[in-house]
Every structure is written in structure tokens, then in C-alpha cells.
Amino acid sequence: MGRLERPLAPDAGPVTAFARELRRLRTAAGSPGYRDMATRAMFSASVLSDAAAGYRLPTLQVALAFAEACGGDRASWERRWHEAARADGDDGSARPAVKAVQQHQENELRAADVRAVLPPPSQLPMEAHPLVGRRELLQRARALTAPSPDGQRLAAPLVISGQVGVGKTAFALRLAHELAVNLPDGQLYANLDPAADGRKDAAGIAGGFLEALGIPTDRIPNDPGQRIGLYRSLLNRRRLLVVLDGVQHERQIRELLVAAPESRVIITSRSRLLGLDGIGRIRLPALDRDESMELLAQLLGGDRVGDEPRACLRLADACGDLPLALNLAGRRIAARPEWMLQDSVSELLGDGPGGPVGRQGRDGQRAPGRFLARLQIGDDALSTRLDSAYRLLTPWARLMLRQFAGSDNPPSVDNVVYESADALAMLVERSAQPVEDLLERLLDAGLLDHSDLPGQYGLTPMARAYALTQPDPTEEDPAPAPAPARGQAPARQPR
């Protein structure tokens, strides 16, 4: 049964007369139900019913939506509304403060109706595989995204950072799917990687999210500040999950962040985004060796891995236990099930038919480069991800990465090369402080990681192989070196 018509207001003023005209229009249109009208007008049935009751003059937007839902002429009904407003003692030009409140109410009413017609946004990408390991980190992430039991601390946004290929997006999606169970108003997702399409600034991101949340396009403010403010208001009033994936720098998202009572915000970035204050942070390390074997078992089958564990250990060692490298290598091997696992691994690592010849092959450091080039499946390649990070480096940072990759320090048991800032400063003949600054930039580019020792950095085999395949940075024109501190000798340019 449709909604019953509310009794018309008893007075005979201009507001009641306007409501009577709306009723006549509806009758002439065949008396459609208010619920049917709501799907066309994008206002709730109760709002449309109130407009035709005559107790108060509806807003212009509601009146026009009512008329258009019944086939009325927009210009004619806009003129009628202004006549009724003037006759009622209101010239229709609301004061700015009143107009702002009225517009906000209209946005909420129309969005409420859209939510009744359309499902909440569910924009999270699918999880390709169950997440391997990370149990303690997931537990810590849940705690960081939860408000304090006494309600004194709201849930702050969480930044998940780490080197290229360490599995930041997979970790964020696992956490997001868990949190989404208690956030019924929707899940919003934006890929901010430069290779992805769409607006990458805060106002563009907010505009896309507002549309997904049911705010009509013509009600989304053109002013960037107002648009972002409306988005933050909705985060405070609803129970939403927001994932901002692949953030490049702080200013890209700073204005979008809010510690909301019910909503949750998850951010992934190669950078630690240290310029953002008041947020939680988790940095993902590479997998441990047992977790690498578990991931390969998912991709290749437990029986196959159990039958040839040494081949899988060699592969995990060559990948530096990096999830993306393991994933690409495992999928490539899985596509050829007729091959023996040992032969597949040897071919992938570039050992040839003669079998393994050590970590770096017969021709020294070229074997890892050949392996890196083979880590490609379809349109996904580890070298492409490393390219996107390397292109953002200054010539000085590229030189530092190349010197690090070419150092004589042997890889550790986990196949990672570790070096101190002081030792690297000697390689490039510079003082330690500017070298440490460059190393921190390389870390935030996703090409290095900290070790457990203060002042020491680690270079994974994949990043090392990539650095050694790049042109010599000394052949480029470097930017001027940072000015030396007082009393310090000027640093030499790279030769």
C-alpha cells in the first residue's frame, strides 16, 4: 500500500494554496505513489508528502523535484514557488547563514533517499589470496584503529608504510575487510598511484567520495574547501571505512583526514608520511622465511612445495622474502605445471640448464638483473614499481643507491646487504649527515629499509639488482649538493 496523503493544512494562505496546486499536479499525473516519485525526485517520500501538506512552504529544490517527478514544467513551478514565497512574506532570498543550513539539510535529505534506493558504496577491491603471516601486525593495527574504551581518544587514521613490493595494499585490504563488518554505511577506496586514473588532489578525491555516498552532483560544492568540509562532515556523522591507497605525499591527503567517532581511515604509502601529525603508523617488513614458504604453498600447492623444499628456499632467498616478488615468481611457475619445480626455479633465476651457480651467477651481478626482468605477469611487474620510485629520486639520491648496491659488503643470511651511514659517506666522499638524509629519502621512496641497528640500512636483493641495471648516475647532471655546515669542507660533486 502506498503512503496515505496527509490532510491539507486548514488555513487558506499562500502556502496551503501552493500545496493544493502540487496535489492537483500529482492527480493530473495519475496520482503516482510518493515512493515512486522519490526514486525520480531523489528526495524521500516523507519529504515529498510534507511538501503537499501545506503546513510550511517547501524549499525550492524540493518543490521543483516534486513538480518534475509529476511531469511539471520546471520554469513554471519555479515562478509559482517565488510567488508563494513573496505572498507568505519571504522573497525567497534566504540570508547566507539560513541558506547554508537549508542547503545542508537538502543534501542530507536527498542523500538519505539515495541510500534508501541505492546500496551503500562497497568499493574495496577483492583480496586475491588470504594474507600470509602478519598476525601480530594485524592485531596492532586493530588496536591503533580503535577508539579508547573511555571514549577520550577517537580512532585516528592509520598509515601503513614499507618498501616497494612488501604487501602494503594486501595488508590494508585484509584489515579493511575486517573493520568493514562494523561500518555499515559503506566502504570508500581511492588508488592514488600516478598510474591510476582520476583526480589525485584532496578536492578531487572528496568529490568522488561524495558522489559515491549519494550526494547529487549539483549539490557538491565547487569550492574545494567547502567540498572537503562536506566530506569530513559525513565522516563524522556516518560509520564509514575509507582506504587511501598509494599516497605519494602528505599534502595529497592532509585535508581529508579526520579522527571521527565511528568512521575509520586507512592509508598506504611507501613513505612514512612523517609530515602528518596525530595519526597511527605501522611499517611492514619483508616476510620471514616460513611465511615465504607458506605463500609459495598457496601459489604452487602444498604438495609441490613439500616435495621440493630446497628449490622453494632458493626462490625465497633470491626474492629477499618480498611478497610481490614471491607472488609474481610463484604465479609464473604455476602457469607451467608440467615443469619440475627445481627446473622452473633454475630457469627463472637465470642459472640455465647447468643448475645453480651461486647467488649471483657466473657473470657476477648480472644474474639478479635477469631474474628481476622475469618477474612480470601480464601487466604487473616488479621492475615497473621500482621504476616509479626511482624516477622521483634526485641524482644525488640515485648515486647513493648505486654506491650502496655496488658496495663490497656481502649479503647477510636473509640476502639483504646492510651498510651504515658512515660507511656509505666514505664511499661518496661526503659527510655523514647529508648522506643520512639521502638514505632517509631512499627509505621513504620504498627502496631501502632500516635494520635493527641504529644508523644502519638494508638493501634487498630486488632493489639492489634494479639499481645495478640503471645508468650510471655520475653521467647525469646532479643538482647542487646541500650547503655544508659551518666549518665543514664543501662536499665533492659525484665523479
Protein backbone atom coordinates (compact mmCIF):
# COMPACT_ATOMS: atom_id res chain seq x y z
CA MET A 1 0.00 0.00 0.00
CA GLY A 2 1.31 3.49 -0.86
CA ARG A 3 1.78 6.33 1.57
CA LEU A 4 -1.52 7.91 2.67
CA GLU A 5 -1.99 11.57 1.77
CA ARG A 6 -1.54 13.90 4.73
CA PRO A 7 -4.53 16.14 5.46
CA LEU A 8 -4.19 19.58 3.92
CA ALA A 9 -3.44 22.42 6.34
CA PRO A 10 -6.70 24.10 7.47
CA ASP A 11 -5.71 27.71 6.69
CA ALA A 12 -6.22 29.22 3.25
CA GLY A 13 -2.93 31.10 2.98
CA PRO A 14 -0.45 31.10 0.06
CA VAL A 15 1.44 28.11 1.44
CA THR A 16 -1.70 25.99 1.54
CA ALA A 17 -2.65 27.21 -1.93
CA PHE A 18 0.77 26.18 -3.26
CA ALA A 19 0.38 22.74 -1.67
CA ARG A 20 -3.08 22.39 -3.25
CA GLU A 21 -1.56 23.12 -6.67
CA LEU A 22 1.08 20.42 -6.07
CA ARG A 23 -1.70 17.94 -5.27
CA ARG A 24 -3.57 18.84 -8.45
CA LEU A 25 -0.38 18.31 -10.44
CA ARG A 26 0.05 14.89 -8.86
CA THR A 27 -3.57 13.96 -9.58
CA ALA A 28 -3.18 15.05 -13.21
CA ALA A 29 -0.11 12.82 -13.46
CA GLY A 30 -2.19 9.78 -12.42
CA SER A 31 -1.61 10.01 -8.65
CA PRO A 32 1.77 8.23 -8.55
CA GLY A 33 2.82 6.92 -5.16
CA TYR A 34 5.22 9.01 -3.15
CA ARG A 35 7.72 6.14 -3.10
CA ASP A 36 7.67 6.03 -6.90
CA MET A 37 8.09 9.79 -7.00
CA ALA A 38 11.02 9.54 -4.57
CA THR A 39 13.05 7.41 -6.97
CA ARG A 40 12.76 10.16 -9.59
CA ALA A 41 12.91 13.22 -7.34
CA MET A 42 15.82 11.92 -5.21
CA PHE A 43 14.06 13.14 -2.07
CA SER A 44 12.42 10.83 0.44
CA ALA A 45 8.70 10.05 0.25
CA SER A 46 8.07 11.78 3.58
CA VAL A 47 9.70 15.00 2.35
CA LEU A 48 7.54 15.00 -0.80
CA SER A 49 4.40 14.27 1.23
CA ASP A 50 5.18 17.18 3.57
CA ALA A 51 5.61 19.49 0.55
CA ALA A 52 1.99 18.84 -0.47
CA ALA A 53 0.57 19.17 3.06
CA GLY A 54 0.64 22.98 3.22
CA TYR A 55 1.93 23.38 6.78
CA ARG A 56 5.09 25.13 5.59
CA LEU A 57 6.47 26.17 2.24
CA PRO A 58 8.87 23.51 0.92
CA THR A 59 12.32 24.57 -0.21
CA LEU A 60 12.66 25.48 -3.86
CA GLN A 61 14.68 22.33 -4.60
CA VAL A 62 12.04 20.09 -3.04
CA ALA A 63 9.23 21.87 -4.87
CA LEU A 64 10.98 21.58 -8.22
CA ALA A 65 11.82 17.92 -7.62
CA PHE A 66 8.12 17.25 -6.78
CA ALA A 67 6.96 19.04 -9.92
CA GLU A 68 9.44 17.31 -12.23
CA ALA A 69 8.53 13.90 -10.78
CA CYS A 70 4.95 14.59 -11.88
CA GLY A 71 5.87 15.95 -15.30
CA GLY A 72 5.57 19.63 -14.40
CA ASP A 73 7.47 22.41 -16.13
CA ARG A 74 10.47 23.46 -14.05
CA ALA A 75 10.45 27.15 -15.04
CA SER A 76 6.71 27.47 -14.41
CA TRP A 77 6.90 25.90 -10.98
CA GLU A 78 9.94 27.94 -10.02
CA ARG A 79 7.89 31.07 -10.79
CA ARG A 80 4.94 29.75 -8.74
CA TRP A 81 7.21 28.99 -5.79
CA HIS A 82 8.64 32.54 -5.76
CA GLU A 83 5.12 33.98 -5.92
CA ALA A 84 4.06 31.87 -2.94
CA ALA A 85 7.22 32.84 -1.04
CA ARG A 86 6.60 36.56 -1.60
CA ALA A 87 2.94 36.26 -0.64
CA ASP A 88 3.98 34.44 2.53
CA GLY A 89 6.29 37.32 3.48
CA ASP A 90 9.51 35.66 2.22
CA ASP A 91 11.04 36.90 -1.01
CA GLY A 92 12.82 33.57 -1.43
CA SER A 93 16.30 35.02 -0.95
CA ALA A 94 17.39 33.47 2.29
CA ARG A 95 20.15 35.03 4.36
CA PRO A 96 23.56 33.39 3.79
CA ALA A 97 23.57 31.52 7.10
CA VAL A 98 20.00 30.30 6.60
CA LYS A 99 20.78 29.35 3.01
CA ALA A 100 23.80 27.32 4.10
CA VAL A 101 21.73 25.41 6.67
CA GLN A 102 18.96 24.88 4.13
CA GLN A 103 21.41 23.55 1.55
CA HIS A 104 22.98 21.20 4.09
CA GLN A 105 19.53 19.87 5.04
CA GLU A 106 18.64 19.34 1.40
CA ASN A 107 21.89 17.47 0.85
CA GLU A 108 21.15 15.22 3.80
CA LEU A 109 17.55 14.61 2.77
CA ARG A 110 18.44 13.79 -0.81
CA ALA A 111 21.37 11.61 0.23
CA ALA A 112 19.10 9.79 2.70
CA ASP A 113 16.73 8.98 -0.13
CA VAL A 114 19.58 7.81 -2.36
CA ARG A 115 20.70 5.48 0.42
CA ALA A 116 17.17 4.08 0.51
CA VAL A 117 17.24 3.43 -3.25
CA LEU A 118 20.91 2.51 -3.78
CA PRO A 119 23.12 0.23 -1.67
CA PRO A 120 25.94 1.77 0.39
CA PRO A 121 29.21 2.05 -1.56
CA SER A 122 31.35 -1.08 -1.40
CA GLN A 123 34.47 -0.01 -3.27
CA LEU A 124 37.10 -2.24 -1.68
CA PRO A 125 38.97 -4.38 -4.25
CA MET A 126 38.89 -8.10 -3.75
CA GLU A 127 41.63 -9.92 -1.87
CA ALA A 128 43.41 -12.17 -4.36
CA HIS A 129 44.75 -14.52 -1.68
CA PRO A 130 44.41 -14.92 2.07
CA LEU A 131 47.02 -12.80 3.81
CA VAL A 132 50.07 -14.78 4.84
CA GLY A 133 51.54 -14.10 8.28
CA ARG A 134 51.32 -10.56 9.72
CA ARG A 135 49.20 -11.76 12.67
CA GLU A 136 50.88 -9.60 15.29
CA LEU A 137 50.89 -6.58 13.00
CA LEU A 138 47.18 -7.05 12.26
CA GLN A 139 46.45 -7.17 15.96
CA ARG A 140 48.41 -3.97 16.46
CA ALA A 141 46.60 -2.31 13.54
CA ARG A 142 43.22 -3.20 15.03
CA ALA A 143 44.26 -1.57 18.28
CA LEU A 144 45.50 1.57 16.53
CA THR A 145 42.22 1.95 14.61
CA ALA A 146 40.01 1.51 17.68
CA PRO A 147 38.87 4.37 19.94
CA SER A 148 39.83 4.24 23.59
CA PRO A 149 37.34 2.35 25.81
CA ASP A 150 36.58 5.51 27.82
CA GLY A 151 35.82 7.47 24.63
CA GLN A 152 38.51 10.07 25.37
CA ARG A 153 40.52 9.17 22.24
CA LEU A 154 38.90 8.87 18.83
CA ALA A 155 40.15 6.42 16.21
CA ALA A 156 42.94 8.19 14.34
CA PRO A 157 43.84 7.46 10.69
CA LEU A 158 46.42 4.70 10.23
CA VAL A 159 49.40 4.89 7.83
CA ILE A 160 50.79 1.56 6.59
CA SER A 161 54.23 2.10 5.03
CA GLY A 162 57.01 -0.08 3.66
CA GLN A 163 59.33 -0.71 0.76
CA VAL A 164 58.23 -1.43 -2.80
CA GLY A 165 56.53 -4.83 -3.05
CA VAL A 166 56.27 -5.52 0.67
CA GLY A 167 52.49 -6.03 0.54
CA LYS A 168 51.07 -2.79 1.90
CA THR A 169 47.85 -2.92 -0.13
CA ALA A 170 47.22 -6.59 0.69
CA PHE A 171 47.67 -5.86 4.40
CA ALA A 172 45.42 -2.79 4.23
CA LEU A 173 42.67 -4.71 2.42
CA ARG A 174 42.75 -7.53 4.96
CA LEU A 175 42.41 -5.02 7.79
CA ALA A 176 39.74 -3.08 5.87
CA HIS A 177 37.58 -6.12 5.22
CA GLU A 178 37.70 -6.97 8.92
CA LEU A 179 36.77 -3.44 10.02
CA ALA A 180 34.03 -3.10 7.39
CA VAL A 181 31.82 -5.59 9.24
CA ASN A 182 31.07 -2.91 11.85
CA LEU A 183 30.87 0.03 9.42
CA PRO A 184 27.57 -0.44 7.56
CA ASP A 185 27.38 2.96 5.84
CA GLY A 186 29.89 1.97 3.18
CA GLN A 187 33.50 1.44 2.15
CA LEU A 188 35.31 4.05 0.06
CA TYR A 189 38.54 3.32 -1.83
CA ALA A 190 40.86 5.55 -3.87
CA ASN A 191 44.01 4.42 -5.68
CA LEU A 192 46.34 7.42 -5.65
CA ASP A 193 49.16 5.80 -7.59
CA PRO A 194 50.21 8.05 -10.50
CA ALA A 195 49.48 5.21 -12.95
CA ALA A 196 45.82 5.08 -11.85
CA ASP A 197 43.17 7.30 -13.39
CA GLY A 198 41.22 10.02 -11.62
CA ARG A 199 41.80 13.20 -9.63
CA LYS A 200 44.70 12.85 -7.18
CA ASP A 201 44.25 16.05 -5.18
CA ALA A 202 42.21 16.26 -1.98
CA ALA A 203 39.28 18.12 -3.57
CA GLY A 204 39.03 15.62 -6.45
CA ILE A 205 39.13 12.67 -4.07
CA ALA A 206 36.47 14.23 -1.83
CA GLY A 207 34.23 14.92 -4.83
CA GLY A 208 34.36 11.30 -5.95
CA PHE A 209 33.59 10.06 -2.46
CA LEU A 210 30.63 12.45 -2.08
CA GLU A 211 29.09 11.15 -5.30
CA ALA A 212 29.55 7.56 -4.08
CA LEU A 213 27.81 8.50 -0.82
CA GLY A 214 24.73 9.72 -2.67
CA ILE A 215 25.25 13.47 -2.74
CA PRO A 216 23.86 14.64 -6.11
CA THR A 217 26.43 16.19 -8.40
CA ASP A 218 24.65 19.55 -8.47
CA ARG A 219 24.77 19.70 -4.66
CA ILE A 220 28.53 19.07 -4.38
CA PRO A 221 30.21 22.45 -3.73
CA ASN A 222 32.51 23.78 -6.43
CA ASP A 223 34.73 25.45 -3.85
CA PRO A 224 37.44 22.91 -2.88
CA GLY A 225 37.38 23.88 0.80
CA GLN A 226 33.61 23.52 1.09
CA ARG A 227 33.68 20.21 -0.77
CA ILE A 228 36.30 18.80 1.59
CA GLY A 229 34.38 20.19 4.58
CA LEU A 230 31.20 18.42 3.49
CA TYR A 231 33.15 15.16 3.11
CA ARG A 232 34.61 15.49 6.62
CA SER A 233 31.14 16.24 8.00
CA LEU A 234 29.82 13.00 6.54
CA LEU A 235 32.74 11.06 8.05
CA ASN A 236 31.75 12.43 11.45
CA ARG A 237 28.06 11.58 11.05
CA ARG A 238 28.29 8.13 9.47
CA ARG A 239 30.04 4.82 10.02
CA LEU A 240 32.33 4.68 7.02
CA LEU A 241 35.57 2.97 6.06
CA VAL A 242 37.99 4.90 3.84
CA VAL A 243 41.11 3.41 2.21
CA LEU A 244 43.57 5.80 0.54
CA ASP A 245 45.98 3.53 -1.32
CA GLY A 246 49.38 4.53 -2.70
CA VAL A 247 49.60 8.03 -1.25
CA GLN A 248 52.58 9.94 -2.67
CA HIS A 249 52.95 12.81 -0.20
CA GLU A 250 51.29 14.42 2.80
CA ARG A 251 49.59 17.35 1.06
CA GLN A 252 47.71 14.90 -1.14
CA ILE A 253 45.51 13.78 1.76
CA ARG A 254 46.13 16.05 4.75
CA GLU A 255 42.82 17.90 4.39
CA LEU A 256 40.89 14.63 4.05
CA LEU A 257 41.95 13.25 7.42
CA VAL A 258 39.74 13.35 10.48
CA ALA A 259 39.56 11.42 13.72
CA ALA A 260 35.86 10.50 13.55
CA PRO A 261 33.71 8.89 16.27
CA GLU A 262 32.70 5.91 14.12
CA SER A 263 34.49 6.09 10.75
CA ARG A 264 37.93 4.59 10.06
CA VAL A 265 40.65 5.79 7.65
CA ILE A 266 43.47 3.54 6.36
CA ILE A 267 46.37 4.92 4.30
CA THR A 268 49.11 3.07 2.44
CA SER A 269 52.32 4.70 1.26
CA ARG A 270 55.95 3.85 0.57
CA SER A 271 56.74 6.94 2.62
CA ARG A 272 56.24 7.12 6.37
CA LEU A 273 54.45 10.46 5.76
CA LEU A 274 56.15 11.97 8.78
CA GLY A 275 54.62 15.35 7.98
CA LEU A 276 51.21 14.09 9.17
CA ASP A 277 50.57 14.55 12.89
CA GLY A 278 48.11 12.79 15.14
CA ILE A 279 47.97 9.50 13.21
CA GLY A 280 48.96 5.89 13.86
CA ARG A 281 51.77 4.21 11.94
CA ILE A 282 52.80 0.67 11.07
CA ARG A 283 55.80 -0.21 8.88
CA LEU A 284 55.71 -3.61 7.19
CA PRO A 285 58.90 -5.68 6.98
CA ALA A 286 59.56 -8.45 4.48
CA LEU A 287 58.16 -11.89 5.33
CA ASP A 288 60.17 -14.30 7.41
CA ARG A 289 61.27 -17.48 5.64
CA ASP A 290 58.46 -19.67 7.00
CA GLU A 291 55.89 -17.13 5.79
CA SER A 292 57.55 -17.08 2.36
CA MET A 293 57.20 -20.85 2.15
CA GLU A 294 53.54 -20.55 3.18
CA LEU A 295 52.93 -18.03 0.42
CA LEU A 296 54.59 -20.28 -2.17
CA ALA A 297 52.45 -23.18 -0.94
CA GLN A 298 49.35 -21.08 -1.62
CA LEU A 299 50.51 -20.33 -5.15
CA LEU A 300 52.07 -23.67 -6.13
CA GLY A 301 50.28 -26.16 -3.90
CA GLY A 302 51.41 -27.59 -0.61
CA ASP A 303 52.35 -30.97 -2.08
CA ARG A 304 54.57 -29.46 -4.74
CA VAL A 305 56.38 -27.27 -2.23
CA GLY A 306 56.70 -30.16 0.21
CA ASP A 307 58.25 -32.39 -2.47
CA GLU A 308 60.92 -29.83 -3.47
CA PRO A 309 61.51 -27.54 -0.49
CA ARG A 310 65.11 -26.69 -1.44
CA ALA A 311 64.00 -25.15 -4.74
CA CYS A 312 61.44 -23.02 -2.89
CA LEU A 313 64.04 -21.93 -0.35
CA ARG A 314 66.33 -20.82 -3.20
CA LEU A 315 63.48 -18.84 -4.72
CA ALA A 316 62.58 -17.17 -1.41
CA ASP A 317 66.23 -16.29 -0.90
CA ALA A 318 66.50 -14.73 -4.36
CA CYS A 319 63.31 -12.73 -3.76
CA GLY A 320 64.55 -11.47 -0.40
CA ASP A 321 61.24 -12.73 1.06
CA LEU A 322 59.49 -9.83 -0.65
CA PRO A 323 55.77 -10.72 -1.07
CA LEU A 324 55.33 -9.16 -4.53
CA ALA A 325 58.45 -10.85 -5.92
CA LEU A 326 57.35 -14.19 -4.48
CA ASN A 327 53.84 -13.71 -5.84
CA LEU A 328 55.00 -12.92 -9.38
CA ALA A 329 57.55 -15.74 -9.38
CA GLY A 330 55.06 -18.23 -7.94
CA ARG A 331 52.35 -17.36 -10.46
CA ARG A 332 54.82 -17.64 -13.32
CA ILE A 333 55.94 -21.09 -12.16
CA ALA A 334 52.35 -22.20 -11.50
CA ALA A 335 51.49 -21.42 -15.14
CA ARG A 336 53.82 -24.29 -16.18
CA PRO A 337 52.79 -27.24 -14.01
CA GLU A 338 54.46 -29.73 -16.37
CA TRP A 339 57.93 -28.49 -15.34
CA MET A 340 59.82 -29.86 -12.37
CA LEU A 341 59.89 -27.20 -9.67
CA GLN A 342 63.69 -27.24 -9.46
CA ASP A 343 63.99 -26.69 -13.23
CA SER A 344 61.43 -23.88 -13.14
CA VAL A 345 63.29 -22.09 -10.35
CA SER A 346 66.67 -22.52 -12.07
CA GLU A 347 65.30 -21.17 -15.35
CA LEU A 348 63.65 -18.23 -13.58
CA LEU A 349 66.81 -17.33 -11.67
CA GLY A 350 68.87 -17.47 -14.87
CA ASP A 351 71.01 -20.42 -13.81
CA GLY A 352 70.46 -22.22 -17.12
CA PRO A 353 70.48 -25.98 -17.66
CA GLY A 354 73.65 -26.38 -15.67
CA GLY A 355 71.87 -25.75 -12.41
CA PRO A 356 72.57 -23.23 -9.67
CA VAL A 357 75.86 -21.42 -9.76
CA GLY A 358 75.54 -19.31 -6.65
CA ARG A 359 73.54 -16.27 -5.75
CA GLN A 360 74.87 -14.05 -8.49
CA GLY A 361 75.51 -16.44 -11.36
CA ARG A 362 78.62 -16.91 -13.47
CA ASP A 363 78.72 -13.30 -14.60
CA GLY A 364 78.63 -11.75 -11.13
CA GLN A 365 75.94 -9.20 -10.57
CA ARG A 366 74.02 -9.64 -13.83
CA ALA A 367 72.07 -12.74 -12.76
CA PRO A 368 69.83 -10.84 -10.31
CA GLY A 369 69.07 -8.33 -13.07
CA ARG A 370 67.93 -11.15 -15.36
CA PHE A 371 65.77 -12.54 -12.58
CA LEU A 372 64.21 -9.14 -11.94
CA ALA A 373 63.34 -8.82 -15.64
CA ARG A 374 61.50 -12.14 -15.49
CA LEU A 375 59.30 -11.06 -12.56
CA GLN A 376 56.42 -10.00 -14.77
CA ILE A 377 52.93 -11.45 -15.15
CA GLY A 378 50.57 -9.74 -17.58
CA ASP A 379 50.60 -6.02 -16.84
CA ASP A 380 52.18 -6.41 -13.40
CA ALA A 381 55.95 -6.27 -12.98
CA LEU A 382 58.18 -5.57 -10.01
CA SER A 383 60.53 -3.50 -12.19
CA THR A 384 57.62 -1.17 -13.05
CA ARG A 385 57.01 -0.48 -9.37
CA LEU A 386 60.71 0.15 -8.81
CA ASP A 387 60.78 2.45 -11.85
CA SER A 388 58.02 4.61 -10.39
CA ALA A 389 60.02 5.04 -7.18
CA TYR A 390 63.37 5.62 -8.91
CA ARG A 391 62.04 8.34 -11.24
CA LEU A 392 61.26 10.56 -8.25
CA LEU A 393 64.84 10.47 -6.92
CA THR A 394 67.33 13.29 -7.30
CA PRO A 395 70.67 12.49 -9.00
CA TRP A 396 72.36 12.55 -5.58
CA ALA A 397 69.90 10.00 -4.22
CA ARG A 398 70.39 7.83 -7.32
CA LEU A 399 74.15 7.98 -6.83
CA MET A 400 73.75 6.94 -3.20
CA LEU A 401 71.57 3.98 -4.20
CA ARG A 402 74.06 2.90 -6.87
CA GLN A 403 77.02 3.13 -4.46
CA PHE A 404 75.08 1.17 -1.86
CA ALA A 405 74.22 -1.54 -4.43
CA GLY A 406 77.84 -1.76 -5.58
CA SER A 407 79.38 -1.94 -2.12
CA ASP A 408 81.60 -4.90 -1.25
CA ASN A 409 79.55 -5.77 1.83
CA PRO A 410 78.39 -9.39 1.44
CA PRO A 411 74.66 -10.11 1.79
CA SER A 412 73.51 -11.31 5.19
CA VAL A 413 71.75 -14.60 5.84
CA ASP A 414 68.47 -13.06 4.61
CA ASN A 415 70.20 -11.95 1.35
CA VAL A 416 69.94 -8.27 2.34
CA VAL A 417 73.01 -6.02 2.15
CA TYR A 418 73.40 -3.90 5.27
CA GLU A 419 75.55 -0.79 5.49
CA SER A 420 75.95 2.10 7.92
CA ALA A 421 75.52 5.74 7.01
CA ASP A 422 79.14 6.40 8.00
CA ALA A 423 80.47 3.70 5.67
CA LEU A 424 78.35 4.96 2.77
CA ALA A 425 79.51 8.52 3.43
CA MET A 426 83.06 7.35 2.84
CA LEU A 427 82.04 5.75 -0.48
CA VAL A 428 80.69 9.02 -1.87
CA GLU A 429 83.25 11.20 -0.05
CA ARG A 430 80.67 13.24 1.81
CA SER A 431 79.99 13.93 5.47
CA ALA A 432 77.67 11.59 7.34
CA GLN A 433 74.74 13.96 7.98
CA PRO A 434 73.76 14.75 4.36
CA VAL A 435 74.32 11.08 3.48
CA GLU A 436 71.92 10.02 6.23
CA ASP A 437 69.37 12.50 4.88
CA LEU A 438 69.69 10.90 1.43
CA LEU A 439 69.29 7.42 2.93
CA GLU A 440 66.10 8.53 4.69
CA ARG A 441 64.77 9.79 1.37
CA LEU A 442 65.57 6.43 -0.22
CA LEU A 443 63.77 4.75 2.65
CA ASP A 444 60.67 6.91 2.08
CA ALA A 445 60.89 6.10 -1.64
CA GLY A 446 60.47 2.43 -0.74
CA LEU A 447 63.95 1.38 -1.88
CA LEU A 448 65.67 0.86 1.50
CA ASP A 449 64.70 -0.20 4.98
CA HIS A 450 66.11 0.24 8.46
CA SER A 451 67.99 -2.58 10.10
CA ASP A 452 67.77 -3.45 13.77
CA LEU A 453 70.93 -1.45 14.47
CA PRO A 454 70.88 2.37 14.78
CA GLY A 455 72.29 4.17 11.74
CA GLN A 456 72.27 1.06 9.56
CA TYR A 457 70.18 0.49 6.43
CA GLY A 458 69.26 -2.59 4.44
CA LEU A 459 69.09 -3.05 0.64
CA THR A 460 67.02 -6.01 -0.58
CA PRO A 461 68.25 -8.17 -3.48
CA MET A 462 65.46 -6.91 -5.75
CA ALA A 463 66.21 -3.22 -5.15
CA ARG A 464 69.92 -3.94 -5.42
CA ALA A 465 69.52 -5.73 -8.76
CA TYR A 466 67.40 -2.86 -10.05
CA ALA A 467 69.94 -0.22 -9.00
CA LEU A 468 72.74 -2.06 -10.78
CA THR A 469 70.79 -2.13 -14.04
CA GLN A 470 70.28 1.64 -14.11
CA PRO A 471 72.54 4.08 -15.99
CA ASP A 472 75.50 5.41 -14.04
CA PRO A 473 74.18 8.45 -12.11
CA THR A 474 77.58 10.14 -12.40
CA GLU A 475 76.84 10.68 -16.09
CA GLU A 476 73.83 12.83 -15.19
CA ASP A 477 73.98 16.47 -14.13
CA PRO A 478 73.31 16.36 -10.41
CA ALA A 479 71.52 19.07 -8.51
CA PRO A 480 73.74 21.19 -6.27
CA ALA A 481 74.76 19.39 -3.13
CA PRO A 482 73.35 20.67 0.17
CA ALA A 483 75.40 23.50 1.66
CA PRO A 484 77.95 22.21 4.18
CA ALA A 485 77.61 23.06 7.83
CA ARG A 486 79.73 25.83 9.29
CA GLY A 487 83.35 24.73 9.50
CA GLN A 488 82.75 21.74 7.21
CA ALA A 489 84.60 21.27 3.93
CA PRO A 490 82.46 21.51 0.80
CA ALA A 491 81.24 18.14 -0.48
CA ARG A 492 82.64 16.92 -3.77
CA GLN A 493 80.38 16.54 -6.79
CA PRO A 494 79.91 12.94 -7.97
CA ARG A 495 82.56 11.96 -10.47
